[in-house]
Protein backbone atom coordinates (compact mmCIF):
# COMPACT_ATOMS: atom_id res chain seq x y z
CA UNK A 1 -41.72 3.90 -44.01
CA UNK A 2 -40.32 0.39 -43.75
CA UNK A 3 -37.18 -0.47 -45.74
CA UNK A 4 -37.19 -3.99 -47.07
CA UNK A 5 -33.63 -4.00 -48.37
CA UNK A 6 -30.58 -3.35 -46.21
CA UNK A 7 -28.13 -1.41 -48.34
CA UNK A 8 -25.65 -0.73 -45.55
CA UNK A 9 -22.30 -2.15 -46.58
CA UNK A 10 -20.29 -3.85 -43.83
CA UNK A 11 -16.83 -2.33 -43.52
CA UNK A 12 -14.50 -5.31 -43.41
CA UNK A 13 -11.27 -3.45 -44.08
CA UNK A 14 -8.71 -4.30 -41.41
CA UNK A 15 -10.92 -6.93 -39.75
CA UNK A 16 -10.03 -10.59 -39.32
CA UNK A 17 -11.44 -13.29 -41.58
CA UNK A 18 -14.56 -14.88 -40.15
CA UNK A 19 -14.90 -18.64 -39.79
CA UNK A 20 -17.46 -18.60 -42.60
CA UNK A 21 -14.97 -16.86 -44.91
CA UNK A 22 -12.28 -19.42 -44.04
CA UNK A 23 -14.66 -22.24 -45.06
CA UNK A 24 -15.45 -20.46 -48.32
CA UNK A 25 -11.74 -20.10 -49.09
CA UNK A 26 -11.31 -23.86 -48.65
CA UNK A 27 -14.26 -24.51 -50.99
CA UNK A 28 -13.00 -22.08 -53.64
CA UNK A 29 -9.49 -23.56 -53.50
CA UNK A 30 -11.02 -26.99 -54.02
CA UNK A 31 -12.60 -25.67 -57.22
CA UNK A 32 -9.23 -24.35 -58.42
CA UNK A 33 -9.83 -20.63 -57.87
CA UNK A 34 -6.77 -18.40 -57.70
CA UNK A 35 -6.09 -16.33 -54.59
CA UNK A 36 -6.95 -13.08 -56.40
CA UNK A 37 -10.24 -14.49 -57.66
CA UNK A 38 -11.15 -15.65 -54.13
CA UNK A 39 -10.27 -12.19 -52.79
CA UNK A 40 -12.57 -10.59 -55.37
CA UNK A 41 -15.38 -13.02 -54.49
CA UNK A 42 -15.12 -12.25 -50.76
CA UNK A 43 -14.44 -8.53 -51.16
CA UNK A 44 -11.09 -8.86 -49.47
CA UNK A 45 -7.54 -7.72 -50.19
CA UNK A 46 -5.70 -10.45 -52.10
CA UNK A 47 -2.80 -10.29 -49.57
CA UNK A 48 -5.22 -11.21 -46.78
CA UNK A 49 -6.15 -14.36 -48.69
CA UNK A 50 -2.49 -15.13 -49.44
CA UNK A 51 -1.58 -14.85 -45.73
CA UNK A 52 -4.47 -17.07 -44.63
CA UNK A 53 -3.68 -19.81 -47.16
CA UNK A 54 0.04 -19.71 -46.38
CA UNK A 55 -0.64 -19.92 -42.62
CA UNK A 56 -3.07 -22.85 -42.73
CA UNK A 57 -1.81 -24.94 -45.64
CA UNK A 58 -0.49 -28.44 -45.08
CA UNK A 59 1.78 -30.47 -47.38
CA UNK A 60 0.20 -33.86 -48.14
CA UNK A 61 2.23 -36.65 -49.67
CA UNK A 62 0.67 -39.33 -51.85
CA UNK A 63 2.31 -42.42 -53.28
CA UNK A 64 1.49 -43.53 -56.80
CA UNK A 65 2.72 -47.02 -57.93
CA UNK A 66 3.67 -47.09 -61.60
CA UNK A 67 5.60 -49.72 -63.55
CA UNK A 68 6.97 -51.49 -60.49
CA UNK A 69 8.01 -48.13 -58.95
CA UNK A 70 6.41 -45.90 -56.36
CA UNK A 71 6.30 -42.19 -57.06
CA UNK A 72 5.76 -39.67 -54.23
CA UNK A 73 3.85 -36.50 -55.00
CA UNK A 74 3.35 -33.55 -52.66
CA UNK A 75 0.16 -31.52 -52.65
CA UNK A 76 -0.38 -28.30 -50.70
CA UNK A 77 -3.88 -28.19 -49.22
CA UNK A 78 -5.55 -25.41 -47.24
CA UNK A 79 -7.75 -26.32 -44.23
CA UNK A 80 -10.30 -23.86 -42.84
CA UNK A 81 -10.49 -25.50 -39.40
CA UNK A 82 -6.69 -25.25 -39.00
CA UNK A 83 -6.84 -21.57 -39.92
CA UNK A 84 -9.54 -21.00 -37.30
CA UNK A 85 -7.59 -22.84 -34.57
CA UNK A 86 -4.47 -20.75 -35.29
CA UNK A 87 -6.58 -17.60 -35.15
CA UNK A 88 -8.06 -18.51 -31.74
CA UNK A 89 -4.60 -19.38 -30.35
CA UNK A 90 -3.16 -16.06 -31.49
CA UNK A 91 -6.06 -14.20 -29.90
CA UNK A 92 -5.01 -15.51 -26.48
CA UNK A 93 -1.73 -13.61 -26.72
CA UNK A 94 -3.10 -10.30 -27.94
CA UNK A 95 -3.85 -7.26 -25.78
CA UNK A 96 -2.02 -5.82 -22.78
CA UNK A 97 -1.02 -8.23 -20.01
CA UNK A 98 -2.46 -7.58 -16.54
CA UNK A 99 -0.24 -5.35 -14.39
CA UNK A 100 0.15 -7.94 -11.64
CA UNK A 101 1.94 -10.27 -14.11
CA UNK A 102 4.65 -7.67 -14.77
CA UNK A 103 5.55 -6.86 -11.16
CA UNK A 104 5.80 -10.23 -9.44
CA UNK A 105 9.13 -9.36 -7.79
CA UNK A 106 7.59 -6.26 -6.19
CA UNK A 107 4.50 -8.18 -5.01
CA UNK A 108 6.68 -10.82 -3.32
CA UNK A 109 8.57 -8.03 -1.55
CA UNK A 110 5.28 -6.44 -0.39
CA UNK A 111 3.98 -9.79 0.91
CA UNK A 112 7.16 -10.17 2.96
CA UNK A 113 6.94 -6.64 4.40
CA UNK A 114 3.26 -6.95 5.34
CA UNK A 115 3.26 -10.51 6.66
CA UNK A 116 6.63 -10.48 8.43
CA UNK A 117 7.22 -6.82 9.35
CA UNK A 118 3.60 -5.55 9.72
CA UNK A 119 3.95 -2.79 7.12
CA UNK A 120 0.89 -1.27 5.46
CA UNK A 121 0.25 -1.34 1.69
CA UNK A 122 0.73 2.42 1.45
CA UNK A 123 4.03 2.27 3.34
CA UNK A 124 5.33 -0.42 0.96
CA UNK A 125 4.46 1.51 -2.19
CA UNK A 126 5.69 4.86 -0.87
CA UNK A 127 8.94 3.51 0.57
CA UNK A 128 9.75 1.58 -2.63
CA UNK A 129 9.20 4.71 -4.76
CA UNK A 130 11.17 7.01 -2.46
CA UNK A 131 14.17 4.69 -2.28
CA UNK A 132 13.88 3.54 -5.93
CA UNK A 133 13.95 -0.15 -5.00
CA UNK A 134 12.15 -1.08 -8.23
CA UNK A 135 11.54 0.43 -11.65
CA UNK A 136 8.59 2.84 -11.81
CA UNK A 137 6.65 0.52 -14.14
CA UNK A 138 6.98 -2.29 -11.57
CA UNK A 139 5.29 -0.34 -8.76
CA UNK A 140 1.46 -0.22 -9.01
CA UNK A 141 -0.83 2.22 -7.23
CA UNK A 142 -2.04 1.63 -3.66
CA UNK A 143 -5.61 1.17 -4.91
CA UNK A 144 -4.50 -1.53 -7.37
CA UNK A 145 -2.74 -3.34 -4.52
CA UNK A 146 -5.91 -3.34 -2.41
CA UNK A 147 -7.94 -4.58 -5.40
CA UNK A 148 -5.51 -7.48 -5.95
CA UNK A 149 -5.65 -8.39 -2.26
CA UNK A 150 -9.48 -8.40 -2.45
CA UNK A 151 -9.31 -10.71 -5.49
CA UNK A 152 -6.88 -13.11 -3.78
CA UNK A 153 -4.01 -12.46 -6.20
CA UNK A 154 -1.47 -12.05 -3.36
CA UNK A 155 -0.40 -14.03 -0.30
CA UNK A 156 -1.57 -11.10 1.81
CA UNK A 157 -5.25 -11.31 2.75
CA UNK A 158 -7.61 -8.66 4.12
CA UNK A 159 -7.34 -10.23 7.55
CA UNK A 160 -3.62 -9.39 7.52
CA UNK A 161 -4.39 -5.66 7.08
CA UNK A 162 -5.07 -4.67 10.67
CA UNK A 163 -6.03 -1.05 10.05
CA UNK A 164 -8.37 -1.90 7.17
CA UNK A 165 -10.43 -4.16 9.41
CA UNK A 166 -10.60 -1.61 12.23
CA UNK A 167 -11.28 1.49 10.14
CA UNK A 168 -14.70 3.03 10.77
CA UNK A 169 -16.57 5.86 9.03
CA UNK A 170 -15.68 9.28 10.37
CA UNK A 171 -18.38 10.84 12.52
CA UNK A 172 -18.02 14.58 12.78
CA UNK A 173 -19.71 15.03 16.15
CA UNK A 174 -16.82 16.26 18.25
CA UNK A 175 -17.82 18.33 21.26
CA UNK A 176 -15.56 19.83 23.86
CA UNK A 177 -16.69 19.21 27.40
CA UNK A 178 -15.87 21.61 30.15
CA UNK A 179 -13.02 20.53 32.40
CA UNK A 180 -14.33 19.14 35.68
CA UNK A 181 -10.81 19.13 37.03
CA UNK A 182 -8.25 21.71 35.91
CA UNK A 183 -4.76 20.26 36.42
CA UNK A 184 -2.99 23.05 34.59
CA UNK A 185 -3.07 25.27 31.53
CA UNK A 186 -5.77 24.33 29.00
CA UNK A 187 -5.07 23.31 25.42
CA UNK A 188 -7.18 26.29 24.39
CA UNK A 189 -4.21 28.56 25.16
CA UNK A 190 -1.74 26.44 23.19
CA UNK A 191 -0.08 28.41 20.33
CA UNK A 192 -1.36 27.73 16.80
CA UNK A 193 2.09 26.75 15.48
CA UNK A 194 1.94 23.69 17.74
CA UNK A 195 -1.39 22.71 16.20
CA UNK A 196 0.03 23.05 12.67
CA UNK A 197 3.23 21.16 13.57
CA UNK A 198 5.43 23.93 12.20
CA UNK A 199 8.02 23.66 14.96
CA UNK A 200 10.00 20.77 16.37
CA UNK A 201 9.94 19.88 20.06
CA UNK A 202 6.20 19.59 20.81
CA UNK A 203 5.21 16.25 22.36
CA UNK A 204 2.09 14.34 23.37
CA UNK A 205 2.07 12.03 26.39
CA UNK A 206 -0.25 9.12 27.09
CA UNK A 207 -0.42 5.62 28.54
CA UNK A 208 -1.15 2.19 27.05
CA UNK A 209 -2.82 -0.33 29.34
CA UNK A 210 -2.60 -4.10 28.90
CA UNK A 211 -4.77 -6.09 31.30
CA UNK A 212 -6.88 -4.55 34.07
CA UNK A 213 -4.79 -6.11 36.82
CA UNK A 214 -3.43 -3.53 39.24
CA UNK A 215 -0.11 -5.37 39.37
CA UNK A 216 0.34 -5.28 35.59
CA UNK A 217 2.80 -2.62 34.32
CA UNK A 218 1.73 -0.04 31.73
CA UNK A 219 3.47 1.77 28.88
CA UNK A 220 4.17 5.49 29.06
CA UNK A 221 4.39 6.96 25.55
CA UNK A 222 5.84 10.25 24.33
CA UNK A 223 5.26 11.25 20.69
CA UNK A 224 6.93 14.19 18.95
CA UNK A 225 4.19 15.84 16.87
CA UNK A 226 6.22 16.98 13.85
CA UNK A 227 8.41 13.91 13.25
CA UNK A 228 6.15 11.24 14.90
CA UNK A 229 9.21 10.00 16.80
CA UNK A 230 8.12 7.70 19.62
CA UNK A 231 9.49 7.06 23.10
CA UNK A 232 8.01 4.08 24.99
CA UNK A 233 8.79 3.64 28.67
CA UNK A 234 7.59 0.68 30.71
CA UNK A 235 6.46 1.79 34.19
CA UNK A 236 5.15 -0.15 37.18
CA UNK A 237 1.64 1.30 37.41
CA UNK A 238 -0.69 4.08 36.36
CA UNK A 239 0.22 6.38 39.24
CA UNK A 240 1.68 9.83 39.62
CA UNK A 241 4.81 8.39 41.23
CA UNK A 242 5.40 5.81 38.45
CA UNK A 243 5.06 8.51 35.77
CA UNK A 244 7.53 10.69 37.66
CA UNK A 245 10.06 7.85 37.73
CA UNK A 246 9.52 7.17 34.02
CA UNK A 247 10.19 10.82 33.17
CA UNK A 248 13.19 11.18 35.44
CA UNK A 249 15.39 11.73 32.39
CA UNK A 250 13.64 15.10 31.86
CA UNK A 251 14.67 16.43 35.28
CA UNK A 252 18.28 16.91 34.23
CA UNK A 253 18.29 19.95 32.00
CA UNK A 254 20.66 20.81 29.13
CA UNK A 255 20.57 23.31 26.22
CA UNK A 256 19.88 20.52 23.70
CA UNK A 257 17.17 18.92 25.84
CA UNK A 258 15.39 22.26 26.24
CA UNK A 259 15.17 22.60 22.44
CA UNK A 260 14.02 19.01 21.96
CA UNK A 261 11.35 19.11 24.72
CA UNK A 262 9.54 22.45 24.48
CA UNK A 263 5.92 21.48 25.21
CA UNK A 264 3.96 18.40 26.27
CA UNK A 265 0.22 17.93 25.70
CA UNK A 266 -1.52 15.58 28.13
CA UNK A 267 -4.97 14.38 29.13
CA UNK A 268 -6.50 15.08 32.55
CA UNK A 269 -5.53 11.78 34.17
CA UNK A 270 -4.33 12.04 37.75
CA UNK A 271 -1.12 10.26 36.81
CA UNK A 272 -0.13 13.43 34.88
CA UNK A 273 -1.09 15.92 37.59
CA UNK A 274 2.51 16.69 38.58
CA UNK A 275 3.97 17.07 35.09
CA UNK A 276 4.73 20.81 35.62
CA UNK A 277 6.87 19.91 38.66
CA UNK A 278 8.65 16.99 36.97
CA UNK A 279 9.94 18.98 34.00
CA UNK A 280 9.94 22.67 34.95
CA UNK A 281 11.42 23.95 31.66
CA UNK A 282 8.72 22.22 29.54
CA UNK A 283 5.38 23.94 28.98
CA UNK A 284 2.46 21.59 29.82
CA UNK A 285 -0.99 21.78 28.22
CA UNK A 286 -4.01 19.71 29.27
CA UNK A 287 -6.75 18.55 26.88
CA UNK A 288 -10.50 18.65 27.40
CA UNK A 289 -12.02 15.54 29.01
CA UNK A 290 -13.23 12.80 26.65
CA UNK A 291 -11.42 14.50 23.74
CA UNK A 292 -8.85 11.98 22.58
CA UNK A 293 -8.86 13.58 19.12
CA UNK A 294 -6.93 16.49 20.64
CA UNK A 295 -4.04 14.03 21.01
CA UNK A 296 -4.58 12.41 17.61
CA UNK A 297 -0.89 11.72 17.05
CA UNK A 298 -0.69 9.61 20.19
CA UNK A 299 -3.88 7.74 19.30
CA UNK A 300 -2.51 6.81 15.88
CA UNK A 301 0.77 5.69 17.41
CA UNK A 302 -1.11 3.44 19.83
CA UNK A 303 -2.66 1.63 16.86
CA UNK A 304 0.85 0.63 15.80
CA UNK A 305 1.67 -0.59 19.31
CA UNK A 306 -1.54 -2.67 19.30
CA UNK A 307 -0.23 -4.61 16.31
CA UNK A 308 2.14 -6.27 18.76
CA UNK A 309 0.39 -5.96 22.15
CA UNK A 310 -3.33 -6.69 21.92
CA UNK A 311 -5.93 -5.19 24.25
CA UNK A 312 -6.29 -7.19 27.45
CA UNK A 313 -2.86 -8.79 27.03
CA UNK A 314 -0.56 -8.43 30.04
CA UNK A 315 2.29 -6.01 29.42
CA UNK A 316 4.21 -7.73 32.20
CA UNK A 317 4.74 -10.64 29.79
CA UNK A 318 6.95 -8.39 27.64
CA UNK A 319 10.54 -7.64 28.57
CA UNK A 320 12.09 -4.19 28.31
CA UNK A 321 14.08 -5.43 25.32
CA UNK A 322 10.87 -6.48 23.54
CA UNK A 323 9.29 -3.09 24.23
CA UNK A 324 12.42 -1.44 22.84
CA UNK A 325 12.14 -3.53 19.66
CA UNK A 326 8.53 -2.35 19.18
CA UNK A 327 9.66 1.26 19.65
CA UNK A 328 12.49 0.84 17.14
CA UNK A 329 10.11 -0.75 14.63
CA UNK A 330 7.77 2.25 14.92
CA UNK A 331 10.60 4.74 14.46
CA UNK A 332 11.95 2.82 11.44
CA UNK A 333 8.53 2.58 9.78
CA UNK A 334 8.13 4.75 6.62
CA UNK A 335 5.33 7.34 6.93
CA UNK A 336 3.30 8.78 4.08
CA UNK A 337 2.88 12.07 5.96
CA UNK A 338 6.69 12.41 6.14
CA UNK A 339 7.17 11.74 2.41
CA UNK A 340 7.92 8.10 3.29
CA UNK A 341 10.82 9.05 5.51
CA UNK A 342 10.98 7.17 8.79
CA UNK A 343 10.32 8.97 12.08
CA UNK A 344 13.92 8.30 13.07
CA UNK A 345 15.24 9.95 9.89
CA UNK A 346 13.01 13.00 10.42
CA UNK A 347 14.03 13.24 14.11
CA UNK A 348 17.76 13.07 13.33
CA UNK A 349 17.29 15.69 10.62
CA UNK A 350 15.78 18.08 13.19
CA UNK A 351 18.59 17.38 15.67
CA UNK A 352 21.18 18.25 13.02
CA UNK A 353 19.40 21.54 12.33
CA UNK A 354 19.54 22.37 16.05
CA UNK A 355 23.27 21.56 16.21
CA UNK A 356 23.94 23.66 13.08
CA UNK A 357 22.01 26.62 14.52
CA UNK A 358 23.96 26.35 17.79
CA UNK A 359 27.30 26.40 15.92
CA UNK A 360 26.24 29.42 13.86
CA UNK A 361 25.43 31.30 17.03
């Protein structure tokens, strides 16, 4: 069946006056209708009509000459177009303001940290929350920050986010290859508590190469697995002898040093073949060949080093003081995995626990 008449009544309670209704009000006022009569005609509350007329009425003055005198009369006239303009202007200010307009101070701080100190977005948000640098309502989520960067709402651009550009989809095709050359005890025998980072004092060792020149120095890195504390040592070459000289500080034993350096996990490079002889009190474990994921902590640390020293760049161009600054930056960098503590803070915390345990004994 087809209905010819629409008997559905439009619910206008609480809605704004339409432009058509504003024009009708002006016409009815011109005919001398009262506000209540206009309200009844339009099916509106009389107070709605009162408010509209009061908001968009203009006082008009007219001069009337009479008996050599000029009399000034004032008339109050309502204009529909003025009412509509006021309505549109008020609409611009309604609704919730975008979040990025309420946290400009925080965004400026983030831009400074990323562009000048090479922090990540996550590190900025986490560090600010942990140290209560801003009010909670001023700190947006990490995802919001990335969205604003994508939309160009910040000074920081995607090209400034080194890890975002390099990140690749994870391919779960890891296979352990059999060791062609067994330098020492395999990682397969390493205790599970080292894998889960439950204890302090387990390290990973690796090297960072700049250019392929034989005369160019390399970086020897030691990373503590639990705290992510980093030691970077500049050595002359990628040789067994150079590594031995770089680790000479481990030869002198002490009770504290034995608790700080318990194990070292290494790859099967020939430069690490004499690690068991260099540091006799430290247990050495060797990874499978072509299995860099077994030293994932070191690999992630190298990404931070590469923010400052690019691949192919000669390490010989950097002084020991510059290398030390890079190391200090890494250890003072807030980490999400540490609850946005820095590696240095976590390392010192562990050292204090060792000292306290020693005193108790």
